N, C-alpha and C. Protein backbone atom coordinates (compact mmCIF):
# COMPACT_ATOMS: atom_id res chain seq x y z
N MET A 1 0.85 -1.18 0.00
CA MET A 1 0.00 0.00 0.00
C MET A 1 0.89 1.24 0.00
N SER A 2 0.51 2.22 -0.79
CA SER A 2 1.34 3.41 -0.91
C SER A 2 1.16 4.34 0.28
N THR A 3 2.10 5.28 0.41
CA THR A 3 1.99 6.29 1.47
C THR A 3 0.70 7.08 1.33
N GLU A 4 0.32 7.35 0.08
CA GLU A 4 -0.91 8.11 -0.16
C GLU A 4 -2.13 7.36 0.35
N GLN A 5 -2.14 6.03 0.17
CA GLN A 5 -3.28 5.26 0.64
C GLN A 5 -3.33 5.20 2.17
N LYS A 6 -2.16 5.06 2.81
CA LYS A 6 -2.14 5.08 4.27
C LYS A 6 -2.66 6.41 4.79
N THR A 7 -2.22 7.48 4.16
CA THR A 7 -2.68 8.81 4.56
C THR A 7 -4.18 8.93 4.35
N ALA A 8 -4.68 8.33 3.26
CA ALA A 8 -6.11 8.40 2.96
C ALA A 8 -6.93 7.87 4.12
N PHE A 9 -6.57 6.70 4.64
CA PHE A 9 -7.37 6.12 5.71
C PHE A 9 -7.15 6.83 7.04
N ASP A 10 -6.01 7.45 7.24
CA ASP A 10 -5.85 8.31 8.40
C ASP A 10 -6.82 9.49 8.31
N LEU A 11 -7.00 10.01 7.10
CA LEU A 11 -7.92 11.14 6.91
C LEU A 11 -9.38 10.71 7.02
N ILE A 12 -9.67 9.51 6.52
CA ILE A 12 -11.05 9.04 6.53
C ILE A 12 -11.51 8.71 7.96
N GLY A 13 -10.66 7.97 8.68
CA GLY A 13 -10.93 7.68 10.09
C GLY A 13 -12.33 7.19 10.36
N ARG A 14 -12.98 7.81 11.32
CA ARG A 14 -14.30 7.37 11.78
C ARG A 14 -15.36 7.44 10.69
N ARG A 15 -15.14 8.30 9.69
CA ARG A 15 -16.14 8.41 8.62
C ARG A 15 -16.29 7.11 7.84
N TYR A 16 -15.29 6.24 7.90
CA TYR A 16 -15.38 4.96 7.19
C TYR A 16 -16.58 4.16 7.72
N ASP A 17 -16.70 4.04 9.02
CA ASP A 17 -17.83 3.31 9.59
C ASP A 17 -19.13 4.05 9.37
N GLU A 18 -19.10 5.35 9.50
CA GLU A 18 -20.32 6.13 9.35
C GLU A 18 -20.86 6.08 7.93
N SER A 19 -19.97 5.81 6.95
CA SER A 19 -20.41 5.82 5.56
C SER A 19 -21.21 4.59 5.20
N PHE A 20 -21.00 3.48 5.92
CA PHE A 20 -21.62 2.22 5.51
C PHE A 20 -23.07 2.18 5.97
N VAL A 21 -23.96 2.06 4.99
CA VAL A 21 -25.38 1.97 5.30
C VAL A 21 -25.75 0.52 5.60
N GLU A 22 -25.13 -0.42 4.88
CA GLU A 22 -25.56 -1.82 4.94
C GLU A 22 -24.35 -2.74 5.09
N ARG A 23 -24.30 -3.48 6.19
CA ARG A 23 -23.21 -4.43 6.41
C ARG A 23 -23.72 -5.82 6.74
N ASP A 24 -24.95 -6.10 6.36
CA ASP A 24 -25.56 -7.38 6.71
C ASP A 24 -24.78 -8.55 6.14
N ALA A 25 -24.30 -8.42 4.90
CA ALA A 25 -23.58 -9.53 4.27
C ALA A 25 -22.28 -9.83 5.01
N GLN A 26 -21.56 -8.79 5.40
CA GLN A 26 -20.30 -9.01 6.12
C GLN A 26 -20.56 -9.63 7.49
N LEU A 27 -21.59 -9.18 8.16
CA LEU A 27 -21.95 -9.79 9.44
C LEU A 27 -22.36 -11.25 9.26
N GLY A 28 -23.04 -11.54 8.16
CA GLY A 28 -23.41 -12.91 7.86
C GLY A 28 -22.19 -13.80 7.65
N GLU A 29 -21.17 -13.24 7.00
CA GLU A 29 -19.93 -14.00 6.82
C GLU A 29 -19.26 -14.28 8.16
N GLY A 30 -19.28 -13.30 9.04
CA GLY A 30 -18.71 -13.51 10.37
C GLY A 30 -19.47 -14.58 11.14
N ALA A 31 -20.80 -14.57 11.02
CA ALA A 31 -21.61 -15.58 11.71
C ALA A 31 -21.30 -16.98 11.16
N TRP A 32 -21.13 -17.08 9.83
CA TRP A 32 -20.78 -18.37 9.25
C TRP A 32 -19.44 -18.86 9.80
N LEU A 33 -18.46 -17.96 9.85
CA LEU A 33 -17.14 -18.34 10.33
C LEU A 33 -17.21 -18.83 11.77
N LEU A 34 -17.95 -18.13 12.60
CA LEU A 34 -18.08 -18.53 14.00
C LEU A 34 -18.68 -19.93 14.11
N GLY A 35 -19.56 -20.27 13.19
CA GLY A 35 -20.16 -21.60 13.20
C GLY A 35 -19.21 -22.70 12.77
N GLN A 36 -18.12 -22.33 12.11
CA GLN A 36 -17.13 -23.30 11.64
C GLN A 36 -16.00 -23.53 12.65
N LEU A 37 -15.85 -22.61 13.58
CA LEU A 37 -14.70 -22.63 14.47
C LEU A 37 -15.04 -23.28 15.81
N GLY A 38 -14.14 -24.13 16.28
CA GLY A 38 -14.24 -24.57 17.66
C GLY A 38 -13.67 -23.49 18.57
N ARG A 39 -13.59 -23.79 19.84
CA ARG A 39 -12.98 -22.86 20.79
C ARG A 39 -11.94 -23.62 21.61
N PRO A 40 -10.76 -23.06 21.84
CA PRO A 40 -10.36 -21.73 21.42
C PRO A 40 -10.07 -21.68 19.92
N ALA A 41 -10.11 -20.47 19.36
CA ALA A 41 -9.81 -20.27 17.96
C ALA A 41 -9.09 -18.94 17.80
N ARG A 42 -8.29 -18.86 16.75
CA ARG A 42 -7.48 -17.67 16.50
C ARG A 42 -7.66 -17.26 15.04
N VAL A 43 -8.00 -15.99 14.81
CA VAL A 43 -8.30 -15.49 13.46
C VAL A 43 -7.43 -14.28 13.15
N LEU A 44 -6.89 -14.27 11.95
CA LEU A 44 -6.12 -13.13 11.44
C LEU A 44 -7.05 -12.25 10.62
N ASP A 45 -7.16 -10.99 11.01
CA ASP A 45 -8.00 -10.01 10.30
C ASP A 45 -7.08 -9.07 9.54
N LEU A 46 -6.88 -9.33 8.26
CA LEU A 46 -5.97 -8.55 7.42
C LEU A 46 -6.65 -7.26 6.99
N GLY A 47 -6.06 -6.14 7.35
CA GLY A 47 -6.69 -4.85 7.05
C GLY A 47 -7.93 -4.67 7.91
N CYS A 48 -7.74 -4.82 9.22
CA CYS A 48 -8.88 -4.83 10.16
C CYS A 48 -9.57 -3.49 10.28
N GLY A 49 -8.89 -2.41 9.87
CA GLY A 49 -9.52 -1.09 9.94
C GLY A 49 -9.91 -0.72 11.36
N SER A 50 -11.14 -0.26 11.50
CA SER A 50 -11.62 0.25 12.78
C SER A 50 -12.11 -0.83 13.72
N GLY A 51 -12.01 -2.10 13.27
CA GLY A 51 -12.50 -3.20 14.11
C GLY A 51 -13.96 -3.54 13.93
N LEU A 52 -14.67 -2.71 13.16
CA LEU A 52 -16.09 -2.95 12.91
C LEU A 52 -16.31 -3.37 11.47
N PRO A 53 -17.21 -4.35 11.26
CA PRO A 53 -17.89 -5.11 12.30
C PRO A 53 -17.18 -6.40 12.69
N THR A 54 -16.21 -6.85 11.90
CA THR A 54 -15.76 -8.23 12.02
C THR A 54 -14.96 -8.53 13.28
N ALA A 55 -13.94 -7.75 13.57
CA ALA A 55 -13.14 -8.03 14.75
C ALA A 55 -14.01 -8.04 16.01
N LYS A 56 -14.89 -7.06 16.13
CA LYS A 56 -15.78 -7.00 17.30
C LYS A 56 -16.69 -8.23 17.35
N GLN A 57 -17.24 -8.61 16.21
CA GLN A 57 -18.14 -9.77 16.16
C GLN A 57 -17.42 -11.03 16.62
N LEU A 58 -16.19 -11.22 16.16
CA LEU A 58 -15.44 -12.41 16.55
C LEU A 58 -15.02 -12.37 18.02
N LEU A 59 -14.53 -11.22 18.46
CA LEU A 59 -14.11 -11.08 19.85
C LEU A 59 -15.28 -11.29 20.81
N ASP A 60 -16.44 -10.76 20.47
CA ASP A 60 -17.61 -10.91 21.33
C ASP A 60 -18.01 -12.37 21.47
N ALA A 61 -17.63 -13.19 20.49
CA ALA A 61 -17.96 -14.62 20.53
C ALA A 61 -16.84 -15.45 21.13
N GLY A 62 -15.83 -14.81 21.69
CA GLY A 62 -14.78 -15.54 22.39
C GLY A 62 -13.64 -16.01 21.51
N VAL A 63 -13.50 -15.44 20.31
CA VAL A 63 -12.42 -15.81 19.41
C VAL A 63 -11.27 -14.82 19.57
N GLU A 64 -10.04 -15.33 19.57
CA GLU A 64 -8.86 -14.47 19.60
C GLU A 64 -8.65 -13.86 18.22
N VAL A 65 -8.44 -12.54 18.17
CA VAL A 65 -8.28 -11.84 16.90
C VAL A 65 -6.96 -11.09 16.89
N VAL A 66 -6.20 -11.28 15.82
CA VAL A 66 -5.03 -10.46 15.53
C VAL A 66 -5.36 -9.65 14.29
N GLY A 67 -5.38 -8.34 14.43
CA GLY A 67 -5.71 -7.46 13.32
C GLY A 67 -4.51 -6.65 12.88
N THR A 68 -4.30 -6.55 11.57
CA THR A 68 -3.21 -5.73 11.04
C THR A 68 -3.79 -4.64 10.16
N ASP A 69 -3.17 -3.47 10.22
CA ASP A 69 -3.62 -2.35 9.38
C ASP A 69 -2.50 -1.32 9.30
N GLU A 70 -2.46 -0.59 8.19
CA GLU A 70 -1.42 0.42 7.99
C GLU A 70 -1.81 1.78 8.54
N SER A 71 -3.06 1.96 8.89
CA SER A 71 -3.52 3.25 9.37
C SER A 71 -3.55 3.28 10.90
N ALA A 72 -2.70 4.11 11.49
CA ALA A 72 -2.68 4.24 12.94
C ALA A 72 -4.01 4.77 13.47
N VAL A 73 -4.64 5.64 12.71
CA VAL A 73 -5.93 6.21 13.13
C VAL A 73 -6.99 5.11 13.21
N MET A 74 -7.03 4.25 12.20
CA MET A 74 -8.01 3.17 12.21
C MET A 74 -7.75 2.19 13.35
N LEU A 75 -6.49 1.93 13.64
CA LEU A 75 -6.16 1.01 14.73
C LEU A 75 -6.55 1.60 16.09
N GLU A 76 -6.41 2.90 16.24
CA GLU A 76 -6.87 3.54 17.48
C GLU A 76 -8.37 3.35 17.65
N LEU A 77 -9.10 3.46 16.55
CA LEU A 77 -10.54 3.22 16.61
C LEU A 77 -10.83 1.76 16.97
N ALA A 78 -10.05 0.84 16.40
CA ALA A 78 -10.26 -0.59 16.70
C ALA A 78 -10.05 -0.88 18.19
N GLU A 79 -9.03 -0.28 18.77
CA GLU A 79 -8.77 -0.50 20.20
C GLU A 79 -9.97 -0.08 21.04
N THR A 80 -10.66 0.96 20.60
CA THR A 80 -11.81 1.48 21.34
C THR A 80 -13.09 0.71 21.02
N GLN A 81 -13.30 0.44 19.73
CA GLN A 81 -14.57 -0.13 19.28
C GLN A 81 -14.61 -1.65 19.35
N ALA A 82 -13.46 -2.29 19.30
CA ALA A 82 -13.40 -3.75 19.39
C ALA A 82 -12.29 -4.13 20.35
N PRO A 83 -12.45 -3.77 21.63
CA PRO A 83 -11.38 -4.01 22.61
C PRO A 83 -11.12 -5.50 22.81
N GLY A 84 -9.87 -5.81 23.11
CA GLY A 84 -9.50 -7.19 23.39
C GLY A 84 -8.73 -7.86 22.28
N GLY A 85 -8.68 -7.24 21.11
CA GLY A 85 -7.91 -7.79 20.01
C GLY A 85 -6.45 -7.37 20.11
N GLN A 86 -5.60 -8.06 19.38
CA GLN A 86 -4.20 -7.65 19.25
C GLN A 86 -4.08 -6.93 17.92
N TYR A 87 -3.82 -5.64 17.96
CA TYR A 87 -3.81 -4.82 16.75
C TYR A 87 -2.39 -4.36 16.44
N LEU A 88 -1.96 -4.67 15.22
CA LEU A 88 -0.59 -4.41 14.81
C LEU A 88 -0.55 -3.40 13.68
N HIS A 89 0.28 -2.37 13.86
CA HIS A 89 0.43 -1.32 12.85
C HIS A 89 1.48 -1.78 11.84
N ARG A 90 1.01 -2.38 10.75
CA ARG A 90 1.94 -2.91 9.75
C ARG A 90 1.22 -3.09 8.42
N ASP A 91 2.03 -3.20 7.39
CA ASP A 91 1.55 -3.53 6.05
C ASP A 91 0.87 -4.90 6.11
N LEU A 92 -0.30 -5.02 5.51
CA LEU A 92 -1.02 -6.30 5.61
C LEU A 92 -0.30 -7.41 4.85
N ARG A 93 0.68 -7.04 4.01
CA ARG A 93 1.49 -8.06 3.33
C ARG A 93 2.60 -8.60 4.22
N ASP A 94 2.82 -7.99 5.36
CA ASP A 94 3.86 -8.42 6.29
C ASP A 94 3.28 -9.47 7.24
N LEU A 95 3.59 -10.72 6.98
CA LEU A 95 3.04 -11.83 7.76
C LEU A 95 4.03 -12.40 8.76
N ALA A 96 5.17 -11.75 8.91
CA ALA A 96 6.23 -12.27 9.77
C ALA A 96 5.81 -12.29 11.24
N ASP A 97 6.18 -13.37 11.93
CA ASP A 97 6.05 -13.47 13.39
C ASP A 97 4.61 -13.34 13.89
N LEU A 98 3.65 -13.76 13.09
CA LEU A 98 2.26 -13.68 13.52
C LEU A 98 1.76 -14.96 14.17
N GLY A 99 2.46 -16.07 13.94
CA GLY A 99 2.02 -17.34 14.49
C GLY A 99 1.03 -18.04 13.58
N GLU A 100 0.27 -18.98 14.14
CA GLU A 100 -0.68 -19.77 13.37
C GLU A 100 -2.11 -19.35 13.66
N PHE A 101 -2.99 -19.62 12.69
CA PHE A 101 -4.39 -19.21 12.79
C PHE A 101 -5.30 -20.31 12.27
N ASP A 102 -6.50 -20.36 12.84
CA ASP A 102 -7.53 -21.26 12.34
C ASP A 102 -8.18 -20.70 11.07
N ALA A 103 -8.18 -19.38 10.95
CA ALA A 103 -8.80 -18.74 9.79
C ALA A 103 -8.19 -17.36 9.58
N ALA A 104 -8.33 -16.88 8.36
CA ALA A 104 -7.93 -15.52 8.03
C ALA A 104 -9.06 -14.86 7.24
N VAL A 105 -9.28 -13.59 7.52
CA VAL A 105 -10.30 -12.84 6.80
C VAL A 105 -9.68 -11.58 6.22
N ALA A 106 -10.16 -11.19 5.05
CA ALA A 106 -9.71 -9.95 4.41
C ALA A 106 -10.94 -9.32 3.77
N PHE A 107 -11.65 -8.53 4.57
CA PHE A 107 -12.88 -7.91 4.10
C PHE A 107 -12.58 -6.51 3.57
N PHE A 108 -12.61 -6.38 2.24
CA PHE A 108 -12.42 -5.09 1.56
C PHE A 108 -11.06 -4.46 1.84
N SER A 109 -10.06 -5.29 2.12
CA SER A 109 -8.70 -4.77 2.30
C SER A 109 -7.80 -5.08 1.11
N LEU A 110 -7.99 -6.24 0.48
CA LEU A 110 -7.16 -6.58 -0.67
C LEU A 110 -7.37 -5.62 -1.83
N ILE A 111 -8.50 -4.95 -1.86
CA ILE A 111 -8.76 -4.00 -2.95
C ILE A 111 -7.74 -2.86 -2.95
N MET A 112 -7.06 -2.65 -1.83
CA MET A 112 -6.10 -1.56 -1.75
C MET A 112 -4.72 -1.94 -2.29
N LEU A 113 -4.54 -3.20 -2.68
CA LEU A 113 -3.24 -3.68 -3.14
C LEU A 113 -3.19 -3.73 -4.66
N PRO A 114 -2.00 -3.62 -5.25
CA PRO A 114 -1.86 -3.96 -6.67
C PRO A 114 -2.14 -5.45 -6.84
N LYS A 115 -2.73 -5.82 -7.95
CA LYS A 115 -3.07 -7.23 -8.16
C LYS A 115 -1.85 -8.14 -8.08
N ALA A 116 -0.70 -7.65 -8.51
CA ALA A 116 0.51 -8.47 -8.50
C ALA A 116 0.89 -8.92 -7.09
N ASP A 117 0.46 -8.18 -6.06
CA ASP A 117 0.84 -8.50 -4.68
C ASP A 117 -0.12 -9.50 -4.01
N ILE A 118 -1.27 -9.74 -4.62
CA ILE A 118 -2.28 -10.56 -3.95
C ILE A 118 -1.94 -12.05 -3.96
N PRO A 119 -1.53 -12.65 -5.09
CA PRO A 119 -1.19 -14.09 -5.04
C PRO A 119 -0.11 -14.44 -4.02
N PRO A 120 1.03 -13.72 -3.97
CA PRO A 120 2.02 -14.09 -2.94
C PRO A 120 1.50 -13.89 -1.52
N LEU A 121 0.67 -12.89 -1.32
CA LEU A 121 0.08 -12.70 0.02
C LEU A 121 -0.78 -13.89 0.39
N LEU A 122 -1.62 -14.34 -0.52
CA LEU A 122 -2.50 -15.48 -0.22
C LEU A 122 -1.69 -16.74 0.03
N ARG A 123 -0.62 -16.94 -0.71
CA ARG A 123 0.23 -18.11 -0.46
C ARG A 123 0.86 -18.03 0.92
N GLY A 124 1.24 -16.83 1.32
CA GLY A 124 1.80 -16.65 2.65
C GLY A 124 0.79 -16.90 3.74
N VAL A 125 -0.43 -16.44 3.53
CA VAL A 125 -1.50 -16.69 4.50
C VAL A 125 -1.75 -18.19 4.64
N ARG A 126 -1.76 -18.89 3.53
CA ARG A 126 -2.00 -20.34 3.56
C ARG A 126 -1.02 -21.04 4.50
N GLU A 127 0.22 -20.58 4.52
CA GLU A 127 1.23 -21.22 5.35
C GLU A 127 1.00 -20.99 6.84
N LEU A 128 0.18 -20.01 7.20
CA LEU A 128 -0.09 -19.70 8.60
C LEU A 128 -1.28 -20.47 9.15
N LEU A 129 -2.04 -21.12 8.27
CA LEU A 129 -3.30 -21.71 8.69
C LEU A 129 -3.13 -23.13 9.20
N ARG A 130 -3.97 -23.46 10.20
CA ARG A 130 -3.97 -24.78 10.84
C ARG A 130 -5.44 -25.20 10.99
N GLY A 131 -5.67 -26.39 11.49
CA GLY A 131 -7.05 -26.81 11.81
C GLY A 131 -7.98 -26.70 10.62
N PRO A 132 -9.06 -25.92 10.74
CA PRO A 132 -10.01 -25.80 9.63
C PRO A 132 -9.43 -25.05 8.42
N ARG A 133 -8.41 -24.23 8.64
CA ARG A 133 -7.65 -23.56 7.57
C ARG A 133 -8.56 -22.77 6.63
N LEU A 134 -9.37 -21.89 7.21
CA LEU A 134 -10.38 -21.16 6.45
C LEU A 134 -9.89 -19.78 6.01
N LEU A 135 -10.39 -19.34 4.87
CA LEU A 135 -10.10 -18.01 4.33
C LEU A 135 -11.40 -17.40 3.85
N GLN A 136 -11.61 -16.13 4.21
CA GLN A 136 -12.75 -15.38 3.69
C GLN A 136 -12.25 -14.06 3.11
N ILE A 137 -12.76 -13.74 1.93
CA ILE A 137 -12.37 -12.52 1.24
C ILE A 137 -13.64 -11.79 0.81
N ALA A 138 -13.64 -10.48 0.93
CA ALA A 138 -14.69 -9.65 0.34
C ALA A 138 -14.04 -8.60 -0.54
N MET A 139 -14.55 -8.48 -1.74
CA MET A 139 -14.06 -7.51 -2.72
C MET A 139 -15.26 -6.80 -3.33
N VAL A 140 -14.98 -5.79 -4.13
CA VAL A 140 -16.02 -5.13 -4.92
C VAL A 140 -15.92 -5.65 -6.34
N LEU A 141 -17.06 -5.94 -6.96
CA LEU A 141 -17.08 -6.46 -8.32
C LEU A 141 -16.49 -5.45 -9.29
N GLY A 142 -15.61 -5.92 -10.17
CA GLY A 142 -15.03 -5.05 -11.19
C GLY A 142 -13.90 -5.77 -11.89
N ASP A 143 -13.18 -5.05 -12.71
CA ASP A 143 -12.04 -5.62 -13.42
C ASP A 143 -11.05 -4.50 -13.71
N PHE A 144 -10.25 -4.15 -12.70
CA PHE A 144 -9.27 -3.07 -12.86
C PHE A 144 -8.18 -3.22 -11.81
N ASP A 145 -7.09 -2.50 -12.02
CA ASP A 145 -5.93 -2.59 -11.15
C ASP A 145 -5.37 -1.19 -10.93
N ARG A 146 -5.15 -0.85 -9.66
CA ARG A 146 -4.61 0.46 -9.28
C ARG A 146 -5.44 1.59 -9.93
N PHE A 147 -6.74 1.44 -9.84
CA PHE A 147 -7.67 2.39 -10.46
C PHE A 147 -7.90 3.56 -9.51
N PRO A 148 -7.69 4.81 -9.96
CA PRO A 148 -7.85 5.96 -9.06
C PRO A 148 -9.33 6.25 -8.79
N ILE A 149 -9.66 6.40 -7.51
CA ILE A 149 -11.02 6.77 -7.12
C ILE A 149 -10.96 7.83 -6.04
N SER A 150 -12.11 8.39 -5.73
CA SER A 150 -12.27 9.26 -4.57
C SER A 150 -13.23 8.58 -3.62
N PHE A 151 -12.74 8.19 -2.43
CA PHE A 151 -13.57 7.53 -1.44
C PHE A 151 -13.77 8.48 -0.28
N LEU A 152 -15.02 8.87 -0.06
CA LEU A 152 -15.36 9.85 0.97
C LEU A 152 -14.54 11.13 0.79
N GLY A 153 -14.32 11.49 -0.47
CA GLY A 153 -13.62 12.73 -0.79
C GLY A 153 -12.11 12.64 -0.73
N VAL A 154 -11.58 11.44 -0.46
CA VAL A 154 -10.13 11.27 -0.33
C VAL A 154 -9.64 10.39 -1.50
N PRO A 155 -8.65 10.85 -2.26
CA PRO A 155 -8.18 10.06 -3.40
C PRO A 155 -7.39 8.83 -2.96
N THR A 156 -7.60 7.73 -3.66
CA THR A 156 -6.85 6.50 -3.42
C THR A 156 -6.89 5.64 -4.67
N GLU A 157 -6.28 4.46 -4.63
CA GLU A 157 -6.28 3.53 -5.76
C GLU A 157 -6.79 2.18 -5.29
N VAL A 158 -7.53 1.50 -6.16
CA VAL A 158 -8.12 0.22 -5.80
C VAL A 158 -8.01 -0.76 -6.96
N CYS A 159 -8.20 -2.05 -6.63
CA CYS A 159 -8.28 -3.09 -7.65
C CYS A 159 -9.57 -3.86 -7.47
N ALA A 160 -9.96 -4.60 -8.49
CA ALA A 160 -11.16 -5.43 -8.42
C ALA A 160 -11.04 -6.56 -9.43
N TYR A 161 -11.73 -7.67 -9.12
CA TYR A 161 -11.72 -8.84 -9.98
C TYR A 161 -13.14 -9.22 -10.41
N PRO A 162 -13.29 -9.79 -11.61
CA PRO A 162 -14.51 -10.54 -11.90
C PRO A 162 -14.54 -11.79 -11.02
N PRO A 163 -15.71 -12.32 -10.71
CA PRO A 163 -15.79 -13.46 -9.79
C PRO A 163 -14.94 -14.66 -10.19
N ASP A 164 -14.98 -15.06 -11.44
CA ASP A 164 -14.22 -16.25 -11.86
C ASP A 164 -12.72 -16.03 -11.74
N GLU A 165 -12.27 -14.80 -11.99
CA GLU A 165 -10.84 -14.52 -11.86
C GLU A 165 -10.41 -14.54 -10.40
N LEU A 166 -11.24 -13.99 -9.52
CA LEU A 166 -10.92 -14.03 -8.09
C LEU A 166 -10.85 -15.48 -7.61
N ARG A 167 -11.79 -16.30 -8.03
CA ARG A 167 -11.78 -17.71 -7.66
C ARG A 167 -10.47 -18.37 -8.11
N GLN A 168 -10.04 -18.07 -9.33
CA GLN A 168 -8.84 -18.68 -9.86
C GLN A 168 -7.60 -18.24 -9.09
N VAL A 169 -7.53 -16.96 -8.76
CA VAL A 169 -6.39 -16.44 -7.98
C VAL A 169 -6.30 -17.16 -6.63
N VAL A 170 -7.43 -17.32 -5.98
CA VAL A 170 -7.47 -17.99 -4.67
C VAL A 170 -7.07 -19.46 -4.80
N GLU A 171 -7.60 -20.13 -5.80
CA GLU A 171 -7.30 -21.55 -5.96
C GLU A 171 -5.85 -21.77 -6.37
N ASP A 172 -5.30 -20.87 -7.19
CA ASP A 172 -3.89 -20.98 -7.57
C ASP A 172 -2.96 -20.81 -6.37
N ALA A 173 -3.46 -20.14 -5.32
CA ALA A 173 -2.67 -19.92 -4.11
C ALA A 173 -2.76 -21.09 -3.14
N GLY A 174 -3.51 -22.14 -3.51
CA GLY A 174 -3.55 -23.33 -2.67
C GLY A 174 -4.81 -23.49 -1.85
N PHE A 175 -5.92 -22.91 -2.31
CA PHE A 175 -7.19 -23.00 -1.60
C PHE A 175 -8.25 -23.66 -2.47
N GLU A 176 -9.23 -24.23 -1.81
CA GLU A 176 -10.42 -24.76 -2.48
C GLU A 176 -11.59 -23.83 -2.19
N THR A 177 -12.24 -23.34 -3.21
CA THR A 177 -13.38 -22.45 -3.02
C THR A 177 -14.57 -23.23 -2.48
N MET A 178 -15.14 -22.74 -1.39
CA MET A 178 -16.31 -23.37 -0.79
C MET A 178 -17.59 -22.68 -1.26
N GLU A 179 -17.52 -21.37 -1.40
CA GLU A 179 -18.68 -20.60 -1.86
C GLU A 179 -18.21 -19.26 -2.38
N LEU A 180 -18.85 -18.79 -3.43
CA LEU A 180 -18.60 -17.45 -3.96
C LEU A 180 -19.95 -16.87 -4.35
N ARG A 181 -20.24 -15.70 -3.81
CA ARG A 181 -21.54 -15.10 -4.13
C ARG A 181 -21.40 -13.60 -4.28
N GLU A 182 -22.34 -13.03 -5.01
CA GLU A 182 -22.40 -11.60 -5.24
C GLU A 182 -23.58 -11.01 -4.48
N VAL A 183 -23.34 -9.86 -3.87
CA VAL A 183 -24.36 -9.20 -3.07
C VAL A 183 -24.42 -7.73 -3.46
N ALA A 184 -25.60 -7.21 -3.73
CA ALA A 184 -25.78 -5.78 -3.97
C ALA A 184 -26.03 -5.11 -2.63
N ALA A 185 -25.19 -4.13 -2.29
CA ALA A 185 -25.29 -3.47 -0.98
C ALA A 185 -25.16 -1.97 -1.14
N GLU A 186 -25.81 -1.25 -0.24
CA GLU A 186 -25.68 0.21 -0.22
C GLU A 186 -24.44 0.54 0.59
N ALA A 187 -23.35 0.79 -0.11
CA ALA A 187 -22.06 1.00 0.54
C ALA A 187 -21.94 2.39 1.13
N GLU A 188 -22.48 3.37 0.46
CA GLU A 188 -22.58 4.74 0.96
C GLU A 188 -24.00 5.19 0.68
N PRO A 189 -24.48 6.25 1.35
CA PRO A 189 -25.84 6.70 1.08
C PRO A 189 -26.08 6.93 -0.41
N ASN A 190 -27.09 6.25 -0.93
CA ASN A 190 -27.52 6.40 -2.33
C ASN A 190 -26.51 5.84 -3.34
N ARG A 191 -25.58 4.98 -2.88
CA ARG A 191 -24.65 4.35 -3.83
C ARG A 191 -24.66 2.84 -3.59
N ILE A 192 -25.20 2.12 -4.57
CA ILE A 192 -25.25 0.67 -4.51
C ILE A 192 -24.03 0.11 -5.22
N GLU A 193 -23.36 -0.86 -4.60
CA GLU A 193 -22.26 -1.55 -5.25
C GLU A 193 -22.47 -3.05 -5.15
N VAL A 194 -21.89 -3.78 -6.09
CA VAL A 194 -21.95 -5.24 -6.04
C VAL A 194 -20.68 -5.74 -5.36
N GLN A 195 -20.86 -6.49 -4.29
CA GLN A 195 -19.74 -7.01 -3.52
C GLN A 195 -19.63 -8.52 -3.75
N ILE A 196 -18.39 -9.02 -3.72
CA ILE A 196 -18.12 -10.45 -3.87
C ILE A 196 -17.64 -10.99 -2.53
N TYR A 197 -18.27 -12.06 -2.08
CA TYR A 197 -17.85 -12.74 -0.86
C TYR A 197 -17.40 -14.15 -1.22
N LEU A 198 -16.20 -14.51 -0.82
CA LEU A 198 -15.63 -15.81 -1.14
C LEU A 198 -15.22 -16.52 0.14
N ARG A 199 -15.60 -17.78 0.25
CA ARG A 199 -15.18 -18.65 1.35
C ARG A 199 -14.32 -19.76 0.76
N ALA A 200 -13.20 -20.04 1.40
CA ALA A 200 -12.29 -21.07 0.90
C ALA A 200 -11.62 -21.79 2.05
N ARG A 201 -11.03 -22.93 1.71
CA ARG A 201 -10.29 -23.73 2.68
C ARG A 201 -8.95 -24.11 2.06
N ALA A 202 -7.87 -23.99 2.82
CA ALA A 202 -6.56 -24.36 2.30
C ALA A 202 -6.50 -25.86 2.08
N VAL A 203 -5.85 -26.26 1.02
CA VAL A 203 -5.73 -27.68 0.70
C VAL A 203 -4.25 -28.06 0.65
């Protein structure tokens, strides 16, 4: 992630949570994951942001969460809004010294990376997984790389995949796709976007 993108989320801060009108699908993914995990369980939240909703949902259910994010402002919010997690200020591609996990989630964080960085990241995540070895990803439907946008008035760059291409990238990294679905959600007031949710298991 570039310096400009890190600065973007420092600027966005609390407005990120306030912008989301509808998060039912993401909460549903968290509920599914909780149903797959025994206890104790440990989950890596890549690009955890403010801790809402996923880190808080998992922590409230007694799951250990390690969250990584490049924005110090977002991590400060996570400490307050989803207390009890271990939050690390680092590039989400930096997987060193994190230990092992039952599952990893990346909800709308991989979109901030160049596409070239995603396959090696997924292969690295696979090596950290144990037990059920689950992976969940959420992206926005599209087909572009390092595309300039304005999010909440702050410029940044994003990537997106068509569903079949995302499935292939995940499977090439050593995972088996369990489910892939598209959901239309109101991401900001009066703006509907199509989101992709993918569930996979390392093989």
